[in-house]
Amino acid sequence: MDWDRVVAALERHALAPGDAVGKRREWEHVLTFTVGDYGYEARPADWLIGQAAWVDAAVRVVADRFMDNFAITYGLLFTGDQDLFLNDPAAIRELGRGLGAEVDPLAYAEVLAELYSGEHIDRSTVLPFSATGGHRAGALVRDRAQFAAEYEWVDPALVSAPAVRGDGGGVELEFCSVHYFLTETKSAVDVLQWTVVGGGGRPASWVRRYLARGVERPYRVG
């Protein structure tokens, strides 16, 4: 992994002017550094979109302030001499032009679910907060059985598996996502349903709605 390129992309897209990168350490598959009060860790992302032939590398970067609900996830795709900042809504809408062709709809849903399941997604740079640096900021619901196993305190009838209609001439994609977070005394989830349309040369657009908000995990005794 070309970590210099990753740092340069973060400096261009995510860091503020004058932010100094310090305490940098790198290995083949991990880069760590600090910026102010945040510790950054970058790793190759396990997203499906990273397997696309046109993608050279997909990178997940977590900026952790080591406080509950204060770890920020950034996503980067590298292709040729270009990079795509996945926290930029305009960039990810443009990526949706390829839905059903060079962009697999399920791979697109996976990225949206992780980076856009937070409350505020109407900014020029979306900041998806996760419960801790070890948790994902959001997750795609792949099927009810998986959802029920991971979130046993939430009614699985709320969710459904992803559904794709259309082809390279245009795609409609429906899926559900989960945002896990910590409350003062417990953990909780929001559950969202998405409808995405795009492809056929059209940028993606989406509508999302909450199926459930702040469903707290009950205490278990014994």
Protein backbone atom coordinates (compact mmCIF):
# COMPACT_ATOMS: atom_id res chain seq x y z
CA MET A 1 0.00 0.00 0.00
CA ASP A 2 1.24 3.46 -0.91
CA TRP A 3 0.65 5.15 2.44
CA ASP A 4 2.10 8.46 1.24
CA ARG A 5 -0.73 8.60 -1.27
CA VAL A 6 -3.29 7.86 1.45
CA VAL A 7 -1.97 10.65 3.68
CA ALA A 8 -1.92 13.07 0.74
CA ALA A 9 -5.56 12.24 -0.05
CA LEU A 10 -6.59 12.78 3.57
CA GLU A 11 -4.75 16.10 3.67
CA ARG A 12 -6.57 17.16 0.52
CA HIS A 13 -10.05 15.97 1.46
CA ALA A 14 -10.39 15.56 5.22
CA LEU A 15 -7.78 17.44 7.23
CA ALA A 16 -7.96 21.16 7.89
CA PRO A 17 -5.27 23.49 6.52
CA GLY A 18 -2.38 23.53 8.93
CA ASP A 19 -3.21 20.17 10.53
CA ALA A 20 0.08 18.45 11.28
CA VAL A 21 0.50 14.69 10.87
CA GLY A 22 2.60 13.30 13.71
CA LYS A 23 3.80 10.02 15.22
CA ARG A 24 3.47 8.26 11.89
CA ARG A 25 4.13 4.53 11.83
CA GLU A 26 3.43 2.15 8.98
CA TRP A 27 3.43 -1.52 8.11
CA GLU A 28 2.38 -3.33 4.96
CA HIS A 29 -1.33 -3.27 5.79
CA VAL A 30 -1.62 -0.64 8.54
CA LEU A 31 -0.81 3.04 8.87
CA THR A 32 -1.16 4.98 12.12
CA PHE A 33 -0.57 8.63 12.90
CA THR A 34 -1.94 11.46 15.02
CA VAL A 35 -3.54 14.79 14.23
CA GLY A 36 -4.23 16.86 17.33
CA ASP A 37 -6.32 14.84 19.78
CA TYR A 38 -7.17 12.17 17.20
CA GLY A 39 -5.40 8.92 16.52
CA TYR A 40 -5.74 7.78 12.90
CA GLU A 41 -5.59 4.20 11.65
CA ALA A 42 -5.78 3.34 7.96
CA ARG A 43 -6.21 -0.18 6.58
CA PRO A 44 -7.26 -1.74 3.28
CA ALA A 45 -11.06 -1.84 3.37
CA ASP A 46 -12.94 -5.10 3.04
CA TRP A 47 -15.67 -3.47 0.94
CA LEU A 48 -16.98 -5.32 -2.09
CA ILE A 49 -16.27 -2.29 -4.24
CA GLY A 50 -12.57 -2.83 -3.61
CA GLN A 51 -12.84 -5.98 -5.74
CA ALA A 52 -13.96 -4.07 -8.84
CA ALA A 53 -11.52 -4.28 -11.74
CA TRP A 54 -11.25 -0.48 -12.00
CA VAL A 55 -10.34 -0.02 -8.31
CA ASP A 56 -6.66 -0.23 -7.39
CA ALA A 57 -7.23 0.08 -3.64
CA ALA A 58 -10.00 0.79 -1.15
CA VAL A 59 -8.99 2.23 2.20
CA ARG A 60 -10.92 2.73 5.43
CA VAL A 61 -9.51 5.36 7.78
CA VAL A 62 -10.72 5.72 11.37
CA ALA A 63 -10.00 8.91 13.28
CA ASP A 64 -10.53 8.08 16.95
CA ARG A 65 -10.73 10.65 19.73
CA PHE A 66 -11.08 7.80 22.25
CA MET A 67 -14.47 8.97 23.48
CA ASP A 68 -17.82 7.20 23.11
CA ASN A 69 -19.47 7.88 19.74
CA PHE A 70 -16.52 9.99 18.60
CA ALA A 71 -14.66 7.83 16.07
CA ILE A 72 -14.98 9.11 12.50
CA THR A 73 -14.70 6.82 9.47
CA TYR A 74 -13.36 8.04 6.13
CA GLY A 75 -13.44 6.06 2.88
CA LEU A 76 -11.06 6.36 -0.05
CA LEU A 77 -10.94 4.64 -3.44
CA PHE A 78 -7.83 4.83 -5.63
CA THR A 79 -7.95 4.23 -9.37
CA GLY A 80 -5.12 5.09 -11.71
CA ASP A 81 -3.84 8.52 -10.72
CA GLN A 82 -7.17 9.54 -9.17
CA ASP A 83 -8.70 9.18 -5.75
CA LEU A 84 -12.36 9.23 -4.74
CA PHE A 85 -13.32 10.56 -1.31
CA LEU A 86 -16.39 8.57 -0.31
CA ASN A 87 -17.44 11.01 2.44
CA ASP A 88 -18.22 13.58 -0.26
CA PRO A 89 -21.92 13.17 -1.18
CA ALA A 90 -21.33 14.71 -4.61
CA ALA A 91 -18.58 12.19 -5.34
CA ILE A 92 -20.62 9.19 -4.25
CA ARG A 93 -23.61 10.38 -6.27
CA GLU A 94 -21.35 10.55 -9.32
CA LEU A 95 -20.11 7.05 -8.54
CA GLY A 96 -23.73 5.95 -8.82
CA ARG A 97 -23.69 6.70 -12.57
CA GLY A 98 -22.13 3.26 -12.98
CA LEU A 99 -24.74 1.32 -11.01
CA GLY A 100 -25.57 -1.94 -12.72
CA ALA A 101 -22.47 -1.69 -14.94
CA GLU A 102 -19.00 -1.12 -13.46
CA VAL A 103 -20.47 -0.48 -9.99
CA ASP A 104 -22.13 -3.46 -8.34
CA PRO A 105 -25.34 -2.30 -6.60
CA LEU A 106 -24.66 -4.38 -3.47
CA ALA A 107 -21.16 -2.90 -3.24
CA TYR A 108 -22.64 0.58 -3.53
CA ALA A 109 -25.19 -0.20 -0.81
CA GLU A 110 -22.43 -1.44 1.47
CA VAL A 111 -20.54 1.86 1.23
CA LEU A 112 -23.66 3.97 1.71
CA ALA A 113 -24.70 1.87 4.70
CA GLU A 114 -21.36 2.32 6.47
CA LEU A 115 -20.70 5.97 5.72
CA TYR A 116 -24.19 7.49 5.42
CA SER A 117 -26.28 5.92 8.20
CA GLY A 118 -25.66 8.74 10.67
CA GLU A 119 -28.09 11.55 11.35
CA HIS A 120 -26.40 14.31 9.34
CA ILE A 121 -25.66 13.51 5.69
CA ASP A 122 -26.50 16.86 4.08
CA ARG A 123 -23.03 18.38 4.43
CA SER A 124 -20.24 18.76 1.91
CA THR A 125 -18.23 16.25 3.94
CA VAL A 126 -20.20 13.61 5.83
CA LEU A 127 -18.69 12.60 9.18
CA PRO A 128 -19.95 9.13 10.14
CA PHE A 129 -19.44 8.60 13.87
CA SER A 130 -19.15 5.11 15.33
CA ALA A 131 -19.58 3.93 18.92
CA THR A 132 -15.84 3.25 19.26
CA GLY A 133 -12.88 2.89 16.95
CA GLY A 134 -13.57 -0.84 16.89
CA HIS A 135 -17.14 -0.52 15.62
CA ARG A 136 -18.41 0.29 12.15
CA ALA A 137 -20.21 3.60 11.69
CA GLY A 138 -22.99 1.75 9.90
CA ALA A 139 -23.70 -1.66 8.44
CA LEU A 140 -25.66 -3.11 5.56
CA VAL A 141 -28.40 -5.57 6.49
CA ARG A 142 -27.76 -8.55 4.23
CA ASP A 143 -30.59 -10.75 5.48
CA ARG A 144 -32.97 -11.08 8.42
CA ALA A 145 -31.15 -14.03 9.97
CA GLN A 146 -27.89 -12.11 10.15
CA PHE A 147 -29.70 -9.06 11.56
CA ALA A 148 -31.50 -11.14 14.21
CA ALA A 149 -28.24 -12.76 15.31
CA GLU A 150 -26.40 -9.45 15.70
CA TYR A 151 -29.24 -7.29 17.04
CA GLU A 152 -31.41 -9.75 18.93
CA TRP A 153 -33.23 -6.98 20.82
CA VAL A 154 -34.66 -5.46 17.61
CA ASP A 155 -37.65 -6.89 15.72
CA PRO A 156 -36.20 -8.58 12.60
CA ALA A 157 -39.50 -8.11 10.78
CA LEU A 158 -38.48 -4.47 10.34
CA VAL A 159 -35.80 -5.31 7.79
CA SER A 160 -35.44 -7.08 4.48
CA ALA A 161 -32.60 -8.24 2.27
CA PRO A 162 -31.31 -5.89 -0.43
CA ALA A 163 -33.33 -5.87 -3.66
CA VAL A 164 -32.13 -4.68 -7.07
CA ARG A 165 -34.30 -3.91 -10.07
CA GLY A 166 -33.12 -2.84 -13.50
CA ASP A 167 -29.81 -3.25 -15.31
CA GLY A 168 -27.06 -1.16 -16.91
CA GLY A 169 -29.72 1.18 -18.30
CA GLY A 170 -30.75 2.22 -14.80
CA VAL A 171 -31.06 0.62 -11.38
CA GLU A 172 -33.38 0.92 -8.39
CA LEU A 173 -31.84 -0.43 -5.21
CA GLU A 174 -33.60 -0.98 -1.89
CA PHE A 175 -31.83 -2.01 1.30
CA CYS A 176 -31.70 -1.49 5.06
CA SER A 177 -28.85 -0.29 7.25
CA VAL A 178 -28.05 -0.14 10.95
CA HIS A 179 -26.27 2.53 12.98
CA TYR A 180 -25.01 1.29 16.38
CA PHE A 181 -24.16 3.77 19.13
CA LEU A 182 -23.72 4.09 22.87
CA THR A 183 -26.07 5.86 25.25
CA GLU A 184 -25.26 6.97 28.78
CA THR A 185 -25.87 3.52 30.22
CA LYS A 186 -26.62 1.18 27.29
CA SER A 187 -26.12 0.62 23.58
CA ALA A 188 -28.74 1.30 20.94
CA VAL A 189 -29.38 1.18 17.19
CA ASP A 190 -31.13 3.15 14.50
CA VAL A 191 -32.54 1.13 11.60
CA LEU A 192 -32.96 2.79 8.21
CA GLN A 193 -34.54 1.84 4.89
CA TRP A 194 -33.07 3.17 1.64
CA THR A 195 -34.24 3.56 -1.93
CA VAL A 196 -31.49 4.46 -4.41
CA VAL A 197 -31.89 5.14 -8.12
CA GLY A 198 -29.11 5.74 -10.62
CA GLY A 199 -27.02 4.13 -13.31
CA GLY A 200 -27.32 4.36 -17.04
CA GLY A 201 -25.18 7.48 -16.89
CA ARG A 202 -27.39 9.17 -14.27
CA PRO A 203 -25.92 10.14 -10.90
CA ALA A 204 -27.43 8.34 -7.94
CA SER A 205 -30.07 9.86 -5.72
CA TRP A 206 -31.56 8.37 -2.62
CA VAL A 207 -34.33 8.58 -0.08
CA ARG A 208 -33.95 7.07 3.35
CA ARG A 209 -36.33 6.78 6.28
CA TYR A 210 -36.03 5.53 9.83
CA LEU A 211 -37.72 2.23 10.58
CA ALA A 212 -36.66 2.50 14.23
CA ARG A 213 -34.65 5.04 16.25
CA GLY A 214 -32.70 4.64 19.45
CA VAL A 215 -33.76 1.06 20.19
CA GLU A 216 -31.82 0.33 23.38
CA ARG A 217 -30.37 -3.05 24.23
CA PRO A 218 -31.96 -4.28 27.48
CA TYR A 219 -29.91 -5.35 30.42
CA ARG A 220 -29.48 -9.05 30.97
CA VAL A 221 -29.49 -10.35 34.53
CA GLY A 222 -27.64 -13.57 35.32
